[in-house]
Structure formats: structure tokens, C-alpha cells
Amino acid sequence: MSPYEALVRAVPLARRSPMITGFEPQRPWLKLGGFIALAMLLMVVVTIVLAIIVRIIPGATDQLGLSGPLPVTPLRLIGESVSTLLLAAILGSLALAILAAASMIYLRPLADFLWPGRRFNAGDLGVGFLAMACVSVILFPFYLMMGAEWTPPLLSPTYAD
């Protein structure tokens, strides 16, 4: 079977996918353009708000300014936790801006864009974790070859000292 024939067979199946069942917007190209414009606007607004918040929180500017591994100190894990929390807040708020734009343009509840009618599948979750573990194992040697040190505080018996 040629790739074209496979695509022709897959299109009707994709139209019946539970991910998009009952979702057919009027004027899809206009809606898509509106979504992209509104998403960009909301992301700019969220970025400005986050910049103001980072300036208000003491020490957040210094925390975001660090590049590379943190210095090995007794409080390294706390510093890495704060860095991870700040990064998660930034990325999460940008994702929320995109989600809000989709919800406003397509006039659908937020939940329709997060988990549209599918049941939880532990197998898919496990495959995702396994894939990320494999990617980490593959990238780890490259990380060390770029000059990073191998000093994980969780595996160091003298970390608390």
C-alpha cells in the first residue's frame, strides 16, 4: 500500500476520533487566525505580568539569572527546587494563556481542550514515562561530555554535611 493510500484510509478514521468528536467550527481558517492572534496577545500579557511578579518577589530575579548547575552548597536542593518551581510557573502560565485563547475563540469549556472525552489509560502514561527515561539515558552522556559535573545531591552521602 502506498503512503497516499494509507493517508486516504486514515482520514475517515481521524474524523471519527474521540479527540474531535462533536467539534466542527464554522469558518475554521478564520477561527485559527483568531486563535493564533489571541494566544500571542495573551502570552505577551502573561509575560509582562510574570516579569512584574518576578521583580516583586525578593531573590526571584537572581534565581532566574542563574545558568548552569547551582554551586554545591548545603542548600543546593532548595535552590534547585525553587528554580524548578519558577520554571513550572512560567511555562504553566503560558500554557494556560494558550488554553484560554482556544477556549475563548472556539467557545468551548477549558476541559474540552485538556482531556476530550477519553478515559484515563495507565498504559499510555507508562509508555510516556518509559520514553522520557530512555531519552534521559540517551542524553546523559552528552550532558557529561559538554562539561557538566556529576554531583547529584540525592546520591551524595556527604550532602547533609
N, C-alpha and C. Protein backbone atom coordinates (compact mmCIF):
# COMPACT_ATOMS: atom_id res chain seq x y z
N MET A 1 0.84 -1.17 0.00
CA MET A 1 0.00 0.00 0.00
C MET A 1 0.90 1.25 0.00
N SER A 2 0.58 2.19 -0.86
CA SER A 2 1.37 3.42 -0.96
C SER A 2 1.04 4.35 0.21
N PRO A 3 1.93 5.29 0.49
CA PRO A 3 1.64 6.24 1.57
C PRO A 3 0.36 7.05 1.32
N TYR A 4 0.09 7.35 0.04
CA TYR A 4 -1.12 8.09 -0.28
C TYR A 4 -2.37 7.28 0.06
N GLU A 5 -2.35 5.99 -0.29
CA GLU A 5 -3.50 5.13 0.02
C GLU A 5 -3.70 5.00 1.53
N ALA A 6 -2.60 4.90 2.27
CA ALA A 6 -2.69 4.82 3.72
C ALA A 6 -3.30 6.10 4.30
N LEU A 7 -2.91 7.24 3.73
CA LEU A 7 -3.47 8.51 4.19
C LEU A 7 -4.95 8.60 3.88
N VAL A 8 -5.34 8.16 2.68
CA VAL A 8 -6.76 8.20 2.29
C VAL A 8 -7.59 7.31 3.21
N ARG A 9 -7.04 6.19 3.62
CA ARG A 9 -7.76 5.30 4.54
C ARG A 9 -7.81 5.86 5.95
N ALA A 10 -6.78 6.61 6.34
CA ALA A 10 -6.70 7.11 7.72
C ALA A 10 -7.59 8.33 7.95
N VAL A 11 -7.89 9.10 6.91
CA VAL A 11 -8.67 10.33 7.09
C VAL A 11 -10.06 10.05 7.66
N PRO A 12 -10.83 9.08 7.13
CA PRO A 12 -12.15 8.84 7.75
C PRO A 12 -12.04 8.38 9.20
N LEU A 13 -11.00 7.62 9.53
CA LEU A 13 -10.81 7.20 10.91
C LEU A 13 -10.50 8.40 11.80
N ALA A 14 -9.70 9.31 11.29
CA ALA A 14 -9.35 10.50 12.07
C ALA A 14 -10.56 11.38 12.30
N ARG A 15 -11.47 11.43 11.35
CA ARG A 15 -12.67 12.26 11.52
C ARG A 15 -13.58 11.72 12.61
N ARG A 16 -13.48 10.43 12.92
CA ARG A 16 -14.30 9.83 13.97
C ARG A 16 -13.54 9.69 15.29
N SER A 17 -12.38 10.29 15.38
CA SER A 17 -11.57 10.19 16.58
C SER A 17 -12.30 10.79 17.78
N PRO A 18 -12.20 10.15 18.97
CA PRO A 18 -12.83 10.74 20.16
C PRO A 18 -12.21 12.07 20.55
N MET A 19 -11.03 12.38 20.00
CA MET A 19 -10.38 13.65 20.33
C MET A 19 -11.13 14.84 19.73
N ILE A 20 -11.85 14.63 18.60
CA ILE A 20 -12.50 15.76 17.94
C ILE A 20 -13.99 15.53 17.70
N THR A 21 -14.56 14.48 18.24
CA THR A 21 -15.97 14.19 18.02
C THR A 21 -16.82 15.35 18.50
N GLY A 22 -17.72 15.79 17.65
CA GLY A 22 -18.63 16.88 18.00
C GLY A 22 -18.00 18.25 17.94
N PHE A 23 -16.85 18.38 17.31
CA PHE A 23 -16.16 19.67 17.25
C PHE A 23 -15.87 20.00 15.80
N GLU A 24 -16.74 20.80 15.20
CA GLU A 24 -16.53 21.26 13.83
C GLU A 24 -16.85 22.75 13.77
N PRO A 25 -15.83 23.60 13.87
CA PRO A 25 -16.09 25.04 13.92
C PRO A 25 -16.50 25.59 12.55
N GLN A 26 -17.34 26.65 12.57
CA GLN A 26 -17.66 27.40 11.35
C GLN A 26 -16.42 28.21 10.97
N ARG A 27 -16.15 28.34 9.71
CA ARG A 27 -15.00 29.12 9.19
C ARG A 27 -13.71 28.77 9.94
N PRO A 28 -13.20 27.56 9.77
CA PRO A 28 -12.04 27.11 10.57
C PRO A 28 -10.79 27.96 10.39
N TRP A 29 -10.54 28.49 9.19
CA TRP A 29 -9.31 29.27 8.98
C TRP A 29 -9.39 30.61 9.70
N LEU A 30 -10.58 31.21 9.73
CA LEU A 30 -10.76 32.45 10.45
C LEU A 30 -10.61 32.22 11.96
N LYS A 31 -11.17 31.13 12.44
CA LYS A 31 -11.04 30.80 13.87
C LYS A 31 -9.58 30.53 14.23
N LEU A 32 -8.87 29.82 13.34
CA LEU A 32 -7.46 29.53 13.61
C LEU A 32 -6.65 30.81 13.66
N GLY A 33 -6.89 31.72 12.72
CA GLY A 33 -6.18 33.01 12.75
C GLY A 33 -6.49 33.79 14.01
N GLY A 34 -7.76 33.80 14.41
CA GLY A 34 -8.14 34.49 15.64
C GLY A 34 -7.50 33.85 16.86
N PHE A 35 -7.46 32.52 16.86
CA PHE A 35 -6.82 31.82 17.99
C PHE A 35 -5.34 32.18 18.09
N ILE A 36 -4.64 32.17 16.96
CA ILE A 36 -3.20 32.48 16.99
C ILE A 36 -2.98 33.90 17.47
N ALA A 37 -3.77 34.86 16.97
CA ALA A 37 -3.62 36.25 17.38
C ALA A 37 -3.92 36.43 18.87
N LEU A 38 -5.03 35.84 19.34
CA LEU A 38 -5.38 35.99 20.75
C LEU A 38 -4.37 35.26 21.65
N ALA A 39 -3.90 34.10 21.22
CA ALA A 39 -2.90 33.38 22.02
C ALA A 39 -1.62 34.19 22.15
N MET A 40 -1.19 34.82 21.06
CA MET A 40 0.02 35.65 21.13
C MET A 40 -0.19 36.84 22.06
N LEU A 41 -1.36 37.46 21.96
CA LEU A 41 -1.66 38.61 22.83
C LEU A 41 -1.68 38.19 24.30
N LEU A 42 -2.35 37.09 24.60
CA LEU A 42 -2.42 36.63 25.99
C LEU A 42 -1.04 36.21 26.50
N MET A 43 -0.22 35.63 25.64
CA MET A 43 1.12 35.24 26.08
C MET A 43 1.98 36.47 26.39
N VAL A 44 1.82 37.53 25.59
CA VAL A 44 2.55 38.77 25.88
C VAL A 44 2.09 39.35 27.21
N VAL A 45 0.77 39.38 27.43
CA VAL A 45 0.23 39.90 28.69
C VAL A 45 0.74 39.07 29.87
N VAL A 46 0.70 37.75 29.73
CA VAL A 46 1.17 36.87 30.82
C VAL A 46 2.66 37.09 31.06
N THR A 47 3.44 37.27 30.02
CA THR A 47 4.87 37.51 30.18
C THR A 47 5.13 38.81 30.93
N ILE A 48 4.38 39.84 30.60
CA ILE A 48 4.54 41.12 31.30
C ILE A 48 4.15 40.98 32.77
N VAL A 49 3.04 40.30 33.03
CA VAL A 49 2.61 40.09 34.42
C VAL A 49 3.65 39.27 35.18
N LEU A 50 4.19 38.23 34.55
CA LEU A 50 5.21 37.41 35.21
C LEU A 50 6.48 38.22 35.49
N ALA A 51 6.86 39.08 34.55
CA ALA A 51 8.04 39.92 34.77
C ALA A 51 7.84 40.84 35.96
N ILE A 52 6.64 41.39 36.09
CA ILE A 52 6.34 42.26 37.24
C ILE A 52 6.39 41.44 38.53
N ILE A 53 5.80 40.26 38.52
CA ILE A 53 5.79 39.41 39.72
C ILE A 53 7.20 39.00 40.12
N VAL A 54 8.03 38.66 39.12
CA VAL A 54 9.42 38.25 39.41
C VAL A 54 10.19 39.41 40.03
N ARG A 55 9.91 40.63 39.58
CA ARG A 55 10.58 41.81 40.16
C ARG A 55 10.13 42.05 41.60
N ILE A 56 8.88 41.70 41.91
CA ILE A 56 8.35 41.94 43.26
C ILE A 56 8.88 40.91 44.25
N ILE A 57 8.98 39.64 43.85
CA ILE A 57 9.42 38.57 44.75
C ILE A 57 10.91 38.73 45.01
N PRO A 58 11.32 38.83 46.27
CA PRO A 58 12.75 39.00 46.56
C PRO A 58 13.55 37.75 46.19
N GLY A 59 14.63 37.96 45.48
CA GLY A 59 15.53 36.87 45.11
C GLY A 59 15.12 36.11 43.86
N ALA A 60 13.94 36.35 43.32
CA ALA A 60 13.49 35.61 42.14
C ALA A 60 14.31 35.99 40.90
N THR A 61 14.69 37.26 40.79
CA THR A 61 15.50 37.71 39.65
C THR A 61 16.85 37.00 39.66
N ASP A 62 17.46 36.90 40.83
CA ASP A 62 18.74 36.20 40.94
C ASP A 62 18.58 34.72 40.61
N GLN A 63 17.49 34.14 41.06
CA GLN A 63 17.24 32.71 40.83
C GLN A 63 17.08 32.43 39.34
N LEU A 64 16.38 33.30 38.63
CA LEU A 64 16.18 33.11 37.20
C LEU A 64 17.43 33.44 36.40
N GLY A 65 18.31 34.28 36.96
CA GLY A 65 19.51 34.67 36.26
C GLY A 65 20.59 33.60 36.26
N LEU A 66 20.46 32.59 37.08
CA LEU A 66 21.47 31.54 37.14
C LEU A 66 21.37 30.64 35.92
N SER A 67 22.48 30.41 35.29
CA SER A 67 22.50 29.44 34.20
C SER A 67 23.52 28.37 34.55
N GLY A 68 23.17 27.16 34.25
CA GLY A 68 24.04 26.05 34.59
C GLY A 68 23.73 25.51 35.97
N PRO A 69 24.53 24.54 36.42
CA PRO A 69 24.27 23.94 37.73
C PRO A 69 24.54 24.93 38.86
N LEU A 70 23.80 24.76 39.92
CA LEU A 70 23.99 25.61 41.09
C LEU A 70 25.26 25.19 41.82
N PRO A 71 25.87 26.11 42.57
CA PRO A 71 27.05 25.73 43.33
C PRO A 71 26.71 24.69 44.40
N VAL A 72 27.68 23.84 44.69
CA VAL A 72 27.46 22.77 45.66
C VAL A 72 27.53 23.35 47.06
N THR A 73 26.37 23.53 47.64
CA THR A 73 26.24 24.06 49.00
C THR A 73 25.20 23.21 49.72
N PRO A 74 25.09 23.34 51.02
CA PRO A 74 24.06 22.57 51.73
C PRO A 74 22.63 22.90 51.30
N LEU A 75 22.40 24.07 50.72
CA LEU A 75 21.06 24.46 50.32
C LEU A 75 20.82 24.29 48.81
N ARG A 76 21.64 23.48 48.16
CA ARG A 76 21.53 23.32 46.70
C ARG A 76 20.17 22.74 46.30
N LEU A 77 19.69 21.75 47.02
CA LEU A 77 18.41 21.14 46.66
C LEU A 77 17.26 22.14 46.76
N ILE A 78 17.32 22.98 47.77
CA ILE A 78 16.28 24.00 47.91
C ILE A 78 16.35 24.98 46.75
N GLY A 79 17.54 25.38 46.38
CA GLY A 79 17.72 26.29 45.24
C GLY A 79 17.23 25.67 43.93
N GLU A 80 17.53 24.40 43.73
CA GLU A 80 17.05 23.72 42.52
C GLU A 80 15.53 23.57 42.54
N SER A 81 14.98 23.34 43.71
CA SER A 81 13.52 23.24 43.82
C SER A 81 12.85 24.57 43.49
N VAL A 82 13.42 25.65 43.97
CA VAL A 82 12.86 26.97 43.67
C VAL A 82 12.99 27.27 42.18
N SER A 83 14.14 26.93 41.58
CA SER A 83 14.31 27.14 40.13
C SER A 83 13.29 26.34 39.34
N THR A 84 13.08 25.11 39.72
CA THR A 84 12.10 24.26 39.03
C THR A 84 10.69 24.80 39.20
N LEU A 85 10.38 25.27 40.40
CA LEU A 85 9.06 25.84 40.65
C LEU A 85 8.83 27.10 39.82
N LEU A 86 9.82 27.97 39.73
CA LEU A 86 9.69 29.18 38.92
C LEU A 86 9.52 28.83 37.44
N LEU A 87 10.31 27.88 36.96
CA LEU A 87 10.19 27.46 35.56
C LEU A 87 8.81 26.86 35.29
N ALA A 88 8.32 26.04 36.21
CA ALA A 88 7.00 25.43 36.04
C ALA A 88 5.91 26.51 36.06
N ALA A 89 6.05 27.51 36.90
CA ALA A 89 5.05 28.59 36.95
C ALA A 89 5.05 29.38 35.65
N ILE A 90 6.21 29.65 35.10
CA ILE A 90 6.29 30.39 33.84
C ILE A 90 5.69 29.59 32.70
N LEU A 91 6.12 28.34 32.55
CA LEU A 91 5.61 27.53 31.45
C LEU A 91 4.13 27.21 31.62
N GLY A 92 3.71 26.97 32.85
CA GLY A 92 2.30 26.68 33.11
C GLY A 92 1.40 27.87 32.80
N SER A 93 1.86 29.06 33.15
CA SER A 93 1.04 30.25 32.87
C SER A 93 0.97 30.53 31.37
N LEU A 94 2.05 30.28 30.64
CA LEU A 94 2.00 30.44 29.18
C LEU A 94 1.07 29.40 28.55
N ALA A 95 1.10 28.18 29.07
CA ALA A 95 0.19 27.15 28.56
C ALA A 95 -1.26 27.51 28.88
N LEU A 96 -1.50 28.07 30.05
CA LEU A 96 -2.84 28.50 30.43
C LEU A 96 -3.33 29.63 29.52
N ALA A 97 -2.43 30.52 29.11
CA ALA A 97 -2.80 31.59 28.18
C ALA A 97 -3.24 31.01 26.84
N ILE A 98 -2.54 30.01 26.35
CA ILE A 98 -2.91 29.37 25.08
C ILE A 98 -4.24 28.64 25.24
N LEU A 99 -4.42 27.96 26.36
CA LEU A 99 -5.66 27.25 26.62
C LEU A 99 -6.84 28.23 26.72
N ALA A 100 -6.63 29.36 27.37
CA ALA A 100 -7.69 30.37 27.48
C ALA A 100 -8.04 30.94 26.12
N ALA A 101 -7.04 31.16 25.27
CA ALA A 101 -7.31 31.67 23.92
C ALA A 101 -8.14 30.67 23.14
N ALA A 102 -7.81 29.41 23.21
CA ALA A 102 -8.59 28.38 22.50
C ALA A 102 -10.02 28.33 23.03
N SER A 103 -10.16 28.42 24.33
CA SER A 103 -11.49 28.38 24.93
C SER A 103 -12.34 29.58 24.50
N MET A 104 -11.73 30.76 24.44
CA MET A 104 -12.47 31.96 24.05
C MET A 104 -12.83 31.96 22.57
N ILE A 105 -11.92 31.55 21.72
CA ILE A 105 -12.17 31.60 20.28
C ILE A 105 -13.17 30.52 19.86
N TYR A 106 -13.00 29.31 20.36
CA TYR A 106 -13.85 28.20 19.92
C TYR A 106 -15.10 28.04 20.79
N LEU A 107 -15.25 28.92 21.81
CA LEU A 107 -16.44 28.91 22.68
C LEU A 107 -16.72 27.53 23.26
N ARG A 108 -15.68 26.93 23.82
CA ARG A 108 -15.78 25.62 24.44
C ARG A 108 -15.21 25.72 25.85
N PRO A 109 -15.64 24.85 26.76
CA PRO A 109 -15.05 24.86 28.10
C PRO A 109 -13.57 24.45 28.06
N LEU A 110 -12.82 24.91 29.05
CA LEU A 110 -11.38 24.58 29.10
C LEU A 110 -11.14 23.08 29.10
N ALA A 111 -12.00 22.34 29.78
CA ALA A 111 -11.80 20.89 29.90
C ALA A 111 -11.85 20.18 28.56
N ASP A 112 -12.56 20.73 27.58
CA ASP A 112 -12.63 20.10 26.26
C ASP A 112 -11.27 20.07 25.57
N PHE A 113 -10.40 20.99 25.93
CA PHE A 113 -9.08 21.04 25.30
C PHE A 113 -8.04 20.25 26.08
N LEU A 114 -8.34 19.88 27.31
CA LEU A 114 -7.38 19.15 28.13
C LEU A 114 -7.52 17.64 27.98
N TRP A 115 -8.71 17.14 28.08
CA TRP A 115 -8.91 15.69 28.04
C TRP A 115 -10.24 15.42 27.36
N PRO A 116 -10.30 15.52 26.04
CA PRO A 116 -11.59 15.50 25.33
C PRO A 116 -12.21 14.11 25.21
N GLY A 117 -12.94 13.70 26.20
CA GLY A 117 -13.75 12.50 26.10
C GLY A 117 -13.01 11.18 26.12
N ARG A 118 -11.77 11.16 26.51
CA ARG A 118 -11.04 9.90 26.57
C ARG A 118 -10.91 9.45 28.01
N ARG A 119 -10.97 8.16 28.20
CA ARG A 119 -10.75 7.62 29.55
C ARG A 119 -9.26 7.57 29.84
N PHE A 120 -8.93 7.64 31.13
CA PHE A 120 -7.52 7.56 31.54
C PHE A 120 -6.95 6.21 31.14
N ASN A 121 -5.76 6.21 30.58
CA ASN A 121 -5.12 4.98 30.15
C ASN A 121 -3.74 4.91 30.82
N ALA A 122 -3.61 4.03 31.80
CA ALA A 122 -2.35 3.90 32.53
C ALA A 122 -1.24 3.40 31.61
N GLY A 123 -1.58 2.62 30.60
CA GLY A 123 -0.56 2.14 29.67
C GLY A 123 0.10 3.28 28.91
N ASP A 124 -0.72 4.25 28.45
CA ASP A 124 -0.16 5.41 27.76
C ASP A 124 0.74 6.22 28.68
N LEU A 125 0.32 6.37 29.93
CA LEU A 125 1.13 7.09 30.90
C LEU A 125 2.45 6.37 31.13
N GLY A 126 2.40 5.05 31.26
CA GLY A 126 3.62 4.27 31.45
C GLY A 126 4.56 4.36 30.25
N VAL A 127 4.00 4.32 29.04
CA VAL A 127 4.82 4.46 27.84
C VAL A 127 5.48 5.83 27.81
N GLY A 128 4.75 6.87 28.23
CA GLY A 128 5.32 8.21 28.28
C GLY A 128 6.48 8.30 29.25
N PHE A 129 6.31 7.72 30.45
CA PHE A 129 7.40 7.71 31.42
C PHE A 129 8.61 6.91 30.91
N LEU A 130 8.34 5.78 30.28
CA LEU A 130 9.42 4.97 29.72
C LEU A 130 10.16 5.71 28.62
N ALA A 131 9.41 6.39 27.75
CA ALA A 131 10.05 7.15 26.67
C ALA A 131 10.93 8.26 27.24
N MET A 132 10.45 8.96 28.26
CA MET A 132 11.26 10.03 28.85
C MET A 132 12.50 9.46 29.56
N ALA A 133 12.36 8.30 30.18
CA ALA A 133 13.52 7.66 30.81
C ALA A 133 14.56 7.29 29.75
N CYS A 134 14.10 6.77 28.63
CA CYS A 134 15.03 6.40 27.54
C CYS A 134 15.73 7.64 26.98
N VAL A 135 14.98 8.72 26.79
CA VAL A 135 15.57 9.95 26.29
C VAL A 135 16.61 10.47 27.29
N SER A 136 16.31 10.38 28.57
CA SER A 136 17.26 10.84 29.60
C SER A 136 18.53 10.01 29.58
N VAL A 137 18.39 8.70 29.44
CA VAL A 137 19.57 7.82 29.41
C VAL A 137 20.41 8.11 28.17
N ILE A 138 19.75 8.40 27.06
CA ILE A 138 20.49 8.69 25.83
C ILE A 138 21.20 10.04 25.92
N LEU A 139 20.55 11.05 26.51
CA LEU A 139 21.13 12.39 26.57
C LEU A 139 22.15 12.56 27.68
N PHE A 140 22.14 11.71 28.68
CA PHE A 140 23.04 11.86 29.81
C PHE A 140 24.52 11.89 29.42
N PRO A 141 25.01 10.98 28.57
CA PRO A 141 26.42 11.07 28.18
C PRO A 141 26.77 12.38 27.48
N PHE A 142 25.86 12.91 26.67
CA PHE A 142 26.12 14.18 26.00
C PHE A 142 26.20 15.32 27.01
N TYR A 143 25.38 15.25 28.03
CA TYR A 143 25.40 16.25 29.10
C TYR A 143 26.76 16.23 29.79
N LEU A 144 27.29 15.04 30.06
CA LEU A 144 28.60 14.94 30.71
C LEU A 144 29.72 15.37 29.76
N MET A 145 29.60 15.06 28.47
CA MET A 145 30.63 15.45 27.51
C MET A 145 30.70 16.96 27.32
N MET A 146 29.62 17.68 27.58
CA MET A 146 29.62 19.13 27.44
C MET A 146 30.26 19.82 28.64
N GLY A 147 30.76 19.06 29.59
CA GLY A 147 31.50 19.63 30.70
C GLY A 147 30.74 19.72 32.00
N ALA A 148 29.55 19.17 32.06
CA ALA A 148 28.79 19.20 33.30
C ALA A 148 29.41 18.23 34.31
N GLU A 149 29.25 18.57 35.57
CA GLU A 149 29.79 17.70 36.62
C GLU A 149 28.74 16.70 37.06
N TRP A 150 29.19 15.58 37.56
CA TRP A 150 28.30 14.55 38.09
C TRP A 150 28.29 14.70 39.59
N THR A 151 27.40 15.56 40.09
CA THR A 151 27.29 15.79 41.53
C THR A 151 25.83 15.82 41.97
N PRO A 152 25.11 14.72 41.79
CA PRO A 152 23.71 14.74 42.23
C PRO A 152 23.64 14.71 43.76
N PRO A 153 22.96 15.68 44.36
CA PRO A 153 22.94 15.73 45.82
C PRO A 153 22.18 14.58 46.45
N LEU A 154 21.23 14.01 45.75
CA LEU A 154 20.47 12.90 46.33
C LEU A 154 21.31 11.64 46.48
N LEU A 155 22.33 11.49 45.64
CA LEU A 155 23.17 10.29 45.70
C LEU A 155 24.48 10.54 46.47
N SER A 156 24.64 11.72 47.04
CA SER A 156 25.87 12.03 47.75
C SER A 156 25.70 11.75 49.24
N PRO A 157 26.48 10.83 49.81
CA PRO A 157 26.34 10.54 51.23
C PRO A 157 26.79 11.69 52.13
N THR A 158 27.59 12.61 51.60
CA THR A 158 28.09 13.71 52.42
C THR A 158 27.32 15.01 52.18
N TYR A 159 26.20 14.93 51.49
CA TYR A 159 25.45 16.15 51.14
C TYR A 159 25.02 16.92 52.38
N ALA A 160 24.50 16.24 53.37
CA ALA A 160 23.99 16.92 54.57
C ALA A 160 25.12 17.59 55.37
N ASP A 161 26.35 17.10 55.20
CA ASP A 161 27.48 17.68 55.94
C ASP A 161 27.84 19.03 55.34
